[in-house]
Amino acid sequence: MPYDRKPRDRGQVAIEYLGFIPVLLLVALAGIQLGLVAYAAQQAGTAARAGARAASLRQDAGAACADAVSSRLTVRCSPAVGSDSVTVTASVNIPKLFPGLGNYEASKTATMPLDH
């Protein structure tokens, strides 16, 4: 006989792969969540720069922040005007895949000189 296996050993590898699938799915979802964190941080930086640019030209920084990010994200901007510059901090809520993670934000700050 070319095969020296017992009939009860057939399918053992398939069962081992089935046991490993949840681990693979968890790692994949964690990678996607990490990508969402990076995306939110990038969007916060874009919103902060857009808000600072608008505030330096004496326009509405909040509207510029909101227009600069994806419509799926929630952004909050807080401008602080100094004597010769304006600083805007943008905070973007990080989307989450896992329901129990809590609410986290990515915050970025941008400073631009005031246009006199």
C-alpha atoms as a PDB file:
ATOM      1  CA  MET A   1       0.000   0.000   0.000  1.00  0.00           C
ATOM      2  CA  PRO A   2       1.381   3.394  -0.915  1.00  0.00           C
ATOM      3  CA  TYR A   3      -0.240   5.117   2.041  1.00  0.00           C
ATOM      4  CA  ASP A   4       0.419   3.937   5.532  1.00  0.00           C
ATOM      5  CA  ARG A   5      -2.189   6.155   7.232  1.00  0.00           C
ATOM      6  CA  LYS A   6      -5.029   5.008   9.309  1.00  0.00           C
ATOM      7  CA  PRO A   7      -8.489   6.106   8.137  1.00  0.00           C
ATOM      8  CA  ARG A   8      -9.065   8.162  11.276  1.00  0.00           C
ATOM      9  CA  ASP A   9      -6.063  10.452  10.498  1.00  0.00           C
ATOM     10  CA  ARG A  10      -7.640  11.780   7.317  1.00  0.00           C
ATOM     11  CA  GLY A  11      -8.641  15.444   7.546  1.00  0.00           C
ATOM     12  CA  GLN A  12      -6.356  16.238  10.465  1.00  0.00           C
ATOM     13  CA  VAL A  13      -4.667  19.128   8.644  1.00  0.00           C
ATOM     14  CA  ALA A  14      -8.030  20.626   7.728  1.00  0.00           C
ATOM     15  CA  ILE A  15      -9.084  20.606  11.367  1.00  0.00           C
ATOM     16  CA  GLU A  16      -5.800  22.264  12.394  1.00  0.00           C
ATOM     17  CA  TYR A  17      -6.348  25.011   9.810  1.00  0.00           C
ATOM     18  CA  LEU A  18      -9.869  25.576  11.110  1.00  0.00           C
ATOM     19  CA  GLY A  19      -8.442  26.108  14.571  1.00  0.00           C
ATOM     20  CA  PHE A  20      -5.999  28.698  13.252  1.00  0.00           C
ATOM     21  CA  ILE A  21      -8.563  30.747  11.290  1.00  0.00           C
ATOM     22  CA  PRO A  22      -9.799  32.781  14.317  1.00  0.00           C
ATOM     23  CA  VAL A  23      -6.210  33.816  15.070  1.00  0.00           C
ATOM     24  CA  LEU A  24      -5.719  34.941  11.475  1.00  0.00           C
ATOM     25  CA  LEU A  25      -8.967  36.900  11.538  1.00  0.00           C
ATOM     26  CA  LEU A  26      -8.018  38.615  14.788  1.00  0.00           C
ATOM     27  CA  VAL A  27      -4.627  39.642  13.407  1.00  0.00           C
ATOM     28  CA  ALA A  28      -6.251  40.937  10.208  1.00  0.00           C
ATOM     29  CA  LEU A  29      -8.823  42.984  12.135  1.00  0.00           C
ATOM     30  CA  ALA A  30      -6.100  44.405  14.393  1.00  0.00           C
ATOM     31  CA  GLY A  31      -4.172  45.459  11.271  1.00  0.00           C
ATOM     32  CA  ILE A  32      -7.247  47.157   9.846  1.00  0.00           C
ATOM     33  CA  GLN A  33      -7.847  48.952  13.159  1.00  0.00           C
ATOM     34  CA  LEU A  34      -4.254  50.184  13.151  1.00  0.00           C
ATOM     35  CA  GLY A  35      -4.813  51.493   9.628  1.00  0.00           C
ATOM     36  CA  LEU A  36      -7.900  53.373  10.821  1.00  0.00           C
ATOM     37  CA  VAL A  37      -5.829  54.987  13.582  1.00  0.00           C
ATOM     38  CA  ALA A  38      -3.236  56.138  11.038  1.00  0.00           C
ATOM     39  CA  TYR A  39      -5.968  57.418   8.703  1.00  0.00           C
ATOM     40  CA  ALA A  40      -7.608  59.424  11.506  1.00  0.00           C
ATOM     41  CA  ALA A  41      -4.238  60.941  12.461  1.00  0.00           C
ATOM     42  CA  GLN A  42      -3.589  61.933   8.847  1.00  0.00           C
ATOM     43  CA  GLN A  43      -7.052  63.484   8.572  1.00  0.00           C
ATOM     44  CA  ALA A  44      -6.516  65.401  11.838  1.00  0.00           C
ATOM     45  CA  GLY A  45      -3.298  66.874  10.442  1.00  0.00           C
ATOM     46  CA  THR A  46      -5.059  67.912   7.249  1.00  0.00           C
ATOM     47  CA  ALA A  47      -7.899  69.503   9.213  1.00  0.00           C
ATOM     48  CA  ALA A  48      -5.490  71.384  11.500  1.00  0.00           C
ATOM     49  CA  ARG A  49      -3.562  72.816   8.540  1.00  0.00           C
ATOM     50  CA  ALA A  50      -6.762  73.818   6.709  1.00  0.00           C
ATOM     51  CA  GLY A  51      -8.190  75.417   9.841  1.00  0.00           C
ATOM     52  CA  ALA A  52      -4.975  77.312  10.573  1.00  0.00           C
ATOM     53  CA  ARG A  53      -4.793  78.528   6.989  1.00  0.00           C
ATOM     54  CA  ALA A  54      -8.397  79.770   7.133  1.00  0.00           C
ATOM     55  CA  ALA A  55      -7.943  81.395  10.543  1.00  0.00           C
ATOM     56  CA  SER A  56      -4.772  83.155   9.385  1.00  0.00           C
ATOM     57  CA  LEU A  57      -6.864  84.730   6.613  1.00  0.00           C
ATOM     58  CA  ARG A  58      -9.557  85.628   9.189  1.00  0.00           C
ATOM     59  CA  GLN A  59     -12.049  83.082   7.865  1.00  0.00           C
ATOM     60  CA  ASP A  60     -14.052  80.430   9.720  1.00  0.00           C
ATOM     61  CA  ALA A  61     -11.552  77.834  10.966  1.00  0.00           C
ATOM     62  CA  GLY A  62     -14.240  75.376  12.063  1.00  0.00           C
ATOM     63  CA  ALA A  63     -15.817  75.229   8.608  1.00  0.00           C
ATOM     64  CA  ALA A  64     -12.417  74.804   6.969  1.00  0.00           C
ATOM     65  CA  CYS A  65     -11.586  71.958   9.360  1.00  0.00           C
ATOM     66  CA  ALA A  66     -14.857  70.178   8.662  1.00  0.00           C
ATOM     67  CA  ASP A  67     -14.481  70.573   4.897  1.00  0.00           C
ATOM     68  CA  ALA A  68     -10.942  69.157   4.961  1.00  0.00           C
ATOM     69  CA  VAL A  69     -11.828  65.724   6.373  1.00  0.00           C
ATOM     70  CA  SER A  70     -13.869  62.818   5.102  1.00  0.00           C
ATOM     71  CA  SER A  71     -17.598  63.114   5.685  1.00  0.00           C
ATOM     72  CA  ARG A  72     -17.524  59.833   7.650  1.00  0.00           C
ATOM     73  CA  LEU A  73     -15.298  61.299  10.366  1.00  0.00           C
ATOM     74  CA  THR A  74     -16.189  63.666  13.178  1.00  0.00           C
ATOM     75  CA  VAL A  75     -13.750  66.545  13.649  1.00  0.00           C
ATOM     76  CA  ARG A  76     -13.495  69.169  16.373  1.00  0.00           C
ATOM     77  CA  CYS A  77     -11.269  72.225  15.888  1.00  0.00           C
ATOM     78  CA  SER A  78     -10.157  74.774  18.447  1.00  0.00           C
ATOM     79  CA  PRO A  79      -8.317  77.856  17.151  1.00  0.00           C
ATOM     80  CA  ALA A  80      -6.126  80.007  19.404  1.00  0.00           C
ATOM     81  CA  VAL A  81      -5.226  83.407  17.972  1.00  0.00           C
ATOM     82  CA  GLY A  82      -2.047  85.043  19.201  1.00  0.00           C
ATOM     83  CA  SER A  83      -0.543  88.415  18.405  1.00  0.00           C
ATOM     84  CA  ASP A  84       1.180  87.324  15.187  1.00  0.00           C
ATOM     85  CA  SER A  85       0.097  83.717  14.609  1.00  0.00           C
ATOM     86  CA  VAL A  86      -2.842  81.370  14.941  1.00  0.00           C
ATOM     87  CA  THR A  87      -2.728  77.801  16.232  1.00  0.00           C
ATOM     88  CA  VAL A  88      -5.471  75.299  15.456  1.00  0.00           C
ATOM     89  CA  THR A  89      -5.813  71.919  17.144  1.00  0.00           C
ATOM     90  CA  ALA A  90      -7.974  69.403  15.301  1.00  0.00           C
ATOM     91  CA  SER A  91      -9.267  66.258  16.989  1.00  0.00           C
ATOM     92  CA  VAL A  92     -10.757  63.429  14.918  1.00  0.00           C
ATOM     93  CA  ASN A  93     -12.667  60.512  16.437  1.00  0.00           C
ATOM     94  CA  ILE A  94     -10.972  57.242  15.504  1.00  0.00           C
ATOM     95  CA  PRO A  95     -13.372  54.776  13.856  1.00  0.00           C
ATOM     96  CA  LYS A  96     -13.428  51.425  15.622  1.00  0.00           C
ATOM     97  CA  LEU A  97     -13.989  47.866  14.488  1.00  0.00           C
ATOM     98  CA  PHE A  98     -14.305  46.358  17.958  1.00  0.00           C
ATOM     99  CA  PRO A  99     -17.331  47.611  19.939  1.00  0.00           C
ATOM    100  CA  GLY A 100     -15.654  47.599  23.364  1.00  0.00           C
ATOM    101  CA  LEU A 101     -12.627  49.748  22.508  1.00  0.00           C
ATOM    102  CA  GLY A 102     -13.950  53.046  23.828  1.00  0.00           C
ATOM    103  CA  ASN A 103     -13.793  56.479  22.233  1.00  0.00           C
ATOM    104  CA  TYR A 104     -10.353  57.682  21.220  1.00  0.00           C
ATOM    105  CA  GLU A 105      -9.247  60.723  19.262  1.00  0.00           C
ATOM    106  CA  ALA A 106      -6.300  61.603  17.071  1.00  0.00           C
ATOM    107  CA  SER A 107      -5.192  65.209  17.620  1.00  0.00           C
ATOM    108  CA  LYS A 108      -2.866  67.349  15.533  1.00  0.00           C
ATOM    109  CA  THR A 109      -1.854  70.996  15.813  1.00  0.00           C
ATOM    110  CA  ALA A 110      -0.871  73.486  13.120  1.00  0.00           C
ATOM    111  CA  THR A 111       0.396  77.072  13.468  1.00  0.00           C
ATOM    112  CA  MET A 112       0.366  79.734  10.747  1.00  0.00           C
ATOM    113  CA  PRO A 113       1.275  83.421  10.772  1.00  0.00           C
ATOM    114  CA  LEU A 114      -1.576  85.921  10.689  1.00  0.00           C
ATOM    115  CA  ASP A 115      -2.103  87.740   7.416  1.00  0.00           C
ATOM    116  CA  HIS A 116      -1.793  91.447   8.197  1.00  0.00           C
END
